[in-house]
Amino acid sequence: MANIRSAEKQRRQAAKATIRNRAGKSRLKSALKKARAAVASGTTDLKAGFSEIDKAAQKGIIKSNTADRYKSRLSAAAKRVAK
């Protein structure tokens, strides 16, 4: 246990952030899984997947470069399927 009030507050804040980040990461993974399944089935509409990736990057759940990499790989996969 923390002995200092500021350390106790920081522990509470970190616990809240952990829950929030875990939920956001889960939502992102689900969206990526759906987008990859859509690409595999032949659909090239990735708007929902891109939106969820952008939201996660904006909230700091993933870094912007990671978001760009995810979007790039999804769009490349969609182009391969479209051919």
N, C-alpha and C. Protein backbone atom coordinates (compact mmCIF):
# COMPACT_ATOMS: atom_id res chain seq x y z
N MET A 1 0.83 -1.19 0.00
CA MET A 1 0.00 0.00 0.00
C MET A 1 0.88 1.25 0.00
N ALA A 2 0.32 2.28 -0.61
CA ALA A 2 1.05 3.54 -0.68
C ALA A 2 0.90 4.29 0.65
N ASN A 3 1.97 4.93 1.07
CA ASN A 3 1.97 5.70 2.30
C ASN A 3 1.69 7.18 2.06
N ILE A 4 1.82 7.61 0.82
CA ILE A 4 1.68 9.02 0.50
C ILE A 4 0.38 9.22 -0.29
N ARG A 5 -0.34 10.29 0.03
CA ARG A 5 -1.64 10.52 -0.60
C ARG A 5 -1.54 10.63 -2.12
N SER A 6 -0.51 11.28 -2.61
CA SER A 6 -0.37 11.44 -4.06
C SER A 6 -0.09 10.08 -4.72
N ALA A 7 0.65 9.22 -4.02
CA ALA A 7 0.93 7.89 -4.57
C ALA A 7 -0.35 7.05 -4.59
N GLU A 8 -1.18 7.20 -3.58
CA GLU A 8 -2.46 6.48 -3.55
C GLU A 8 -3.37 6.95 -4.69
N LYS A 9 -3.39 8.26 -4.93
CA LYS A 9 -4.19 8.80 -6.02
C LYS A 9 -3.66 8.29 -7.36
N GLN A 10 -2.37 8.26 -7.51
CA GLN A 10 -1.78 7.77 -8.76
C GLN A 10 -2.12 6.31 -8.98
N ARG A 11 -2.16 5.52 -7.89
CA ARG A 11 -2.54 4.11 -8.00
C ARG A 11 -3.98 3.97 -8.48
N ARG A 12 -4.87 4.80 -7.95
CA ARG A 12 -6.27 4.77 -8.37
C ARG A 12 -6.40 5.16 -9.84
N GLN A 13 -5.69 6.20 -10.23
CA GLN A 13 -5.75 6.66 -11.62
C GLN A 13 -5.20 5.59 -12.57
N ALA A 14 -4.12 4.95 -12.16
CA ALA A 14 -3.53 3.92 -13.00
C ALA A 14 -4.48 2.73 -13.16
N ALA A 15 -5.19 2.40 -12.10
CA ALA A 15 -6.15 1.29 -12.17
C ALA A 15 -7.27 1.62 -13.15
N LYS A 16 -7.78 2.86 -13.11
CA LYS A 16 -8.83 3.28 -14.04
C LYS A 16 -8.32 3.25 -15.48
N ALA A 17 -7.10 3.76 -15.67
CA ALA A 17 -6.54 3.80 -17.02
C ALA A 17 -6.32 2.40 -17.56
N THR A 18 -5.91 1.47 -16.69
CA THR A 18 -5.69 0.10 -17.11
C THR A 18 -6.98 -0.52 -17.62
N ILE A 19 -8.06 -0.30 -16.89
CA ILE A 19 -9.36 -0.83 -17.30
C ILE A 19 -9.79 -0.22 -18.63
N ARG A 20 -9.64 1.10 -18.74
CA ARG A 20 -10.04 1.81 -19.96
C ARG A 20 -9.20 1.34 -21.16
N ASN A 21 -7.90 1.22 -20.97
CA ASN A 21 -7.02 0.81 -22.06
C ASN A 21 -7.27 -0.64 -22.46
N ARG A 22 -7.53 -1.49 -21.48
CA ARG A 22 -7.79 -2.90 -21.78
C ARG A 22 -9.06 -3.03 -22.62
N ALA A 23 -10.09 -2.27 -22.26
CA ALA A 23 -11.34 -2.31 -23.03
C ALA A 23 -11.12 -1.78 -24.44
N GLY A 24 -10.35 -0.71 -24.57
CA GLY A 24 -10.08 -0.15 -25.89
C GLY A 24 -9.27 -1.09 -26.75
N LYS A 25 -8.30 -1.76 -26.14
CA LYS A 25 -7.46 -2.71 -26.87
C LYS A 25 -8.31 -3.90 -27.36
N SER A 26 -9.22 -4.34 -26.50
CA SER A 26 -10.10 -5.44 -26.87
C SER A 26 -11.01 -5.04 -28.03
N ARG A 27 -11.56 -3.82 -27.95
CA ARG A 27 -12.43 -3.32 -29.02
C ARG A 27 -11.65 -3.22 -30.34
N LEU A 28 -10.41 -2.78 -30.26
CA LEU A 28 -9.56 -2.67 -31.45
C LEU A 28 -9.29 -4.04 -32.04
N LYS A 29 -8.94 -5.00 -31.19
CA LYS A 29 -8.64 -6.35 -31.70
C LYS A 29 -9.85 -6.97 -32.36
N SER A 30 -11.03 -6.76 -31.79
CA SER A 30 -12.26 -7.28 -32.39
C SER A 30 -12.51 -6.64 -33.76
N ALA A 31 -12.30 -5.34 -33.84
CA ALA A 31 -12.50 -4.64 -35.10
C ALA A 31 -11.51 -5.11 -36.16
N LEU A 32 -10.26 -5.34 -35.75
CA LEU A 32 -9.25 -5.83 -36.70
C LEU A 32 -9.61 -7.23 -37.18
N LYS A 33 -10.08 -8.07 -36.27
CA LYS A 33 -10.46 -9.42 -36.65
C LYS A 33 -11.62 -9.40 -37.66
N LYS A 34 -12.61 -8.52 -37.42
CA LYS A 34 -13.74 -8.40 -38.34
C LYS A 34 -13.28 -7.87 -39.69
N ALA A 35 -12.38 -6.89 -39.68
CA ALA A 35 -11.89 -6.31 -40.93
C ALA A 35 -11.10 -7.34 -41.72
N ARG A 36 -10.27 -8.12 -41.04
CA ARG A 36 -9.49 -9.16 -41.73
C ARG A 36 -10.41 -10.23 -42.30
N ALA A 37 -11.46 -10.58 -41.55
CA ALA A 37 -12.42 -11.57 -42.05
C ALA A 37 -13.17 -11.02 -43.26
N ALA A 38 -13.50 -9.74 -43.23
CA ALA A 38 -14.18 -9.12 -44.36
C ALA A 38 -13.30 -9.13 -45.60
N VAL A 39 -12.02 -8.84 -45.41
CA VAL A 39 -11.09 -8.85 -46.53
C VAL A 39 -10.95 -10.27 -47.09
N ALA A 40 -10.89 -11.23 -46.19
CA ALA A 40 -10.75 -12.62 -46.63
C ALA A 40 -11.99 -13.09 -47.40
N SER A 41 -13.16 -12.55 -47.05
CA SER A 41 -14.38 -12.95 -47.74
C SER A 41 -14.59 -12.18 -49.03
N GLY A 42 -13.74 -11.21 -49.30
CA GLY A 42 -13.81 -10.50 -50.57
C GLY A 42 -14.34 -9.09 -50.49
N THR A 43 -14.76 -8.64 -49.32
CA THR A 43 -15.25 -7.27 -49.17
C THR A 43 -14.07 -6.32 -49.04
N THR A 44 -14.15 -5.21 -49.74
CA THR A 44 -13.04 -4.25 -49.68
C THR A 44 -13.43 -2.99 -48.90
N ASP A 45 -14.59 -3.01 -48.23
CA ASP A 45 -15.01 -1.86 -47.42
C ASP A 45 -14.36 -1.96 -46.04
N LEU A 46 -13.38 -1.10 -45.77
CA LEU A 46 -12.63 -1.15 -44.52
C LEU A 46 -12.90 0.05 -43.63
N LYS A 47 -13.97 0.78 -43.92
CA LYS A 47 -14.24 2.03 -43.22
C LYS A 47 -14.37 1.82 -41.71
N ALA A 48 -15.10 0.79 -41.28
CA ALA A 48 -15.31 0.54 -39.86
C ALA A 48 -14.00 0.18 -39.17
N GLY A 49 -13.19 -0.64 -39.82
CA GLY A 49 -11.90 -1.02 -39.25
C GLY A 49 -10.97 0.16 -39.11
N PHE A 50 -10.92 0.98 -40.15
CA PHE A 50 -10.06 2.17 -40.11
C PHE A 50 -10.50 3.12 -39.01
N SER A 51 -11.81 3.26 -38.86
CA SER A 51 -12.34 4.16 -37.85
C SER A 51 -11.92 3.73 -36.45
N GLU A 52 -12.03 2.44 -36.18
CA GLU A 52 -11.66 1.93 -34.86
C GLU A 52 -10.16 2.06 -34.61
N ILE A 53 -9.35 1.85 -35.64
CA ILE A 53 -7.90 2.02 -35.52
C ILE A 53 -7.57 3.48 -35.20
N ASP A 54 -8.22 4.40 -35.90
CA ASP A 54 -7.97 5.82 -35.67
C ASP A 54 -8.39 6.24 -34.27
N LYS A 55 -9.52 5.72 -33.79
CA LYS A 55 -9.97 6.05 -32.44
C LYS A 55 -8.97 5.57 -31.40
N ALA A 56 -8.46 4.35 -31.59
CA ALA A 56 -7.49 3.81 -30.63
C ALA A 56 -6.21 4.65 -30.62
N ALA A 57 -5.77 5.09 -31.80
CA ALA A 57 -4.58 5.92 -31.87
C ALA A 57 -4.82 7.28 -31.23
N GLN A 58 -5.99 7.83 -31.44
CA GLN A 58 -6.31 9.14 -30.88
C GLN A 58 -6.37 9.09 -29.36
N LYS A 59 -6.85 7.99 -28.82
CA LYS A 59 -6.96 7.85 -27.37
C LYS A 59 -5.66 7.40 -26.72
N GLY A 60 -4.64 7.11 -27.52
CA GLY A 60 -3.35 6.73 -26.97
C GLY A 60 -3.23 5.25 -26.63
N ILE A 61 -4.16 4.45 -27.12
CA ILE A 61 -4.10 3.01 -26.84
C ILE A 61 -3.00 2.37 -27.68
N ILE A 62 -2.87 2.84 -28.92
CA ILE A 62 -1.75 2.43 -29.76
C ILE A 62 -1.09 3.70 -30.31
N LYS A 63 0.14 3.56 -30.75
CA LYS A 63 0.85 4.71 -31.31
C LYS A 63 0.38 4.96 -32.73
N SER A 64 0.60 6.16 -33.21
CA SER A 64 0.11 6.53 -34.54
C SER A 64 0.80 5.73 -35.63
N ASN A 65 2.09 5.43 -35.45
CA ASN A 65 2.80 4.61 -36.45
C ASN A 65 2.22 3.21 -36.51
N THR A 66 1.83 2.67 -35.36
CA THR A 66 1.21 1.35 -35.32
C THR A 66 -0.13 1.39 -36.04
N ALA A 67 -0.90 2.44 -35.82
CA ALA A 67 -2.18 2.59 -36.51
C ALA A 67 -1.97 2.67 -38.02
N ASP A 68 -0.99 3.43 -38.44
CA ASP A 68 -0.69 3.54 -39.87
C ASP A 68 -0.29 2.20 -40.46
N ARG A 69 0.49 1.43 -39.71
CA ARG A 69 0.92 0.10 -40.17
C ARG A 69 -0.28 -0.83 -40.32
N TYR A 70 -1.19 -0.82 -39.33
CA TYR A 70 -2.39 -1.66 -39.41
C TYR A 70 -3.22 -1.31 -40.63
N LYS A 71 -3.42 0.01 -40.85
CA LYS A 71 -4.23 0.45 -41.98
C LYS A 71 -3.56 0.11 -43.30
N SER A 72 -2.26 0.25 -43.36
CA SER A 72 -1.53 -0.06 -44.58
C SER A 72 -1.65 -1.54 -44.93
N ARG A 73 -1.50 -2.39 -43.93
CA ARG A 73 -1.58 -3.84 -44.18
C ARG A 73 -2.99 -4.26 -44.55
N LEU A 74 -3.99 -3.64 -43.93
CA LEU A 74 -5.38 -3.96 -44.28
C LEU A 74 -5.69 -3.55 -45.72
N SER A 75 -5.26 -2.35 -46.09
CA SER A 75 -5.55 -1.89 -47.44
C SER A 75 -4.78 -2.70 -48.48
N ALA A 76 -3.56 -3.11 -48.16
CA ALA A 76 -2.79 -3.95 -49.08
C ALA A 76 -3.46 -5.30 -49.25
N ALA A 77 -3.98 -5.86 -48.17
CA ALA A 77 -4.69 -7.14 -48.27
C ALA A 77 -5.95 -6.99 -49.10
N ALA A 78 -6.65 -5.88 -48.95
CA ALA A 78 -7.87 -5.63 -49.72
C ALA A 78 -7.53 -5.49 -51.21
N LYS A 79 -6.41 -4.85 -51.51
CA LYS A 79 -6.00 -4.72 -52.92
C LYS A 79 -5.65 -6.07 -53.52
N ARG A 80 -5.01 -6.93 -52.72
CA ARG A 80 -4.67 -8.28 -53.22
C ARG A 80 -5.94 -9.07 -53.51
N VAL A 81 -6.94 -8.94 -52.66
CA VAL A 81 -8.20 -9.66 -52.86
C VAL A 81 -8.95 -9.10 -54.06
N ALA A 82 -8.87 -7.81 -54.27
CA ALA A 82 -9.59 -7.17 -55.36
C ALA A 82 -9.08 -7.60 -56.73
N LYS A 83 -7.83 -8.01 -56.79
CA LYS A 83 -7.24 -8.41 -58.09
C LYS A 83 -7.80 -9.71 -58.58
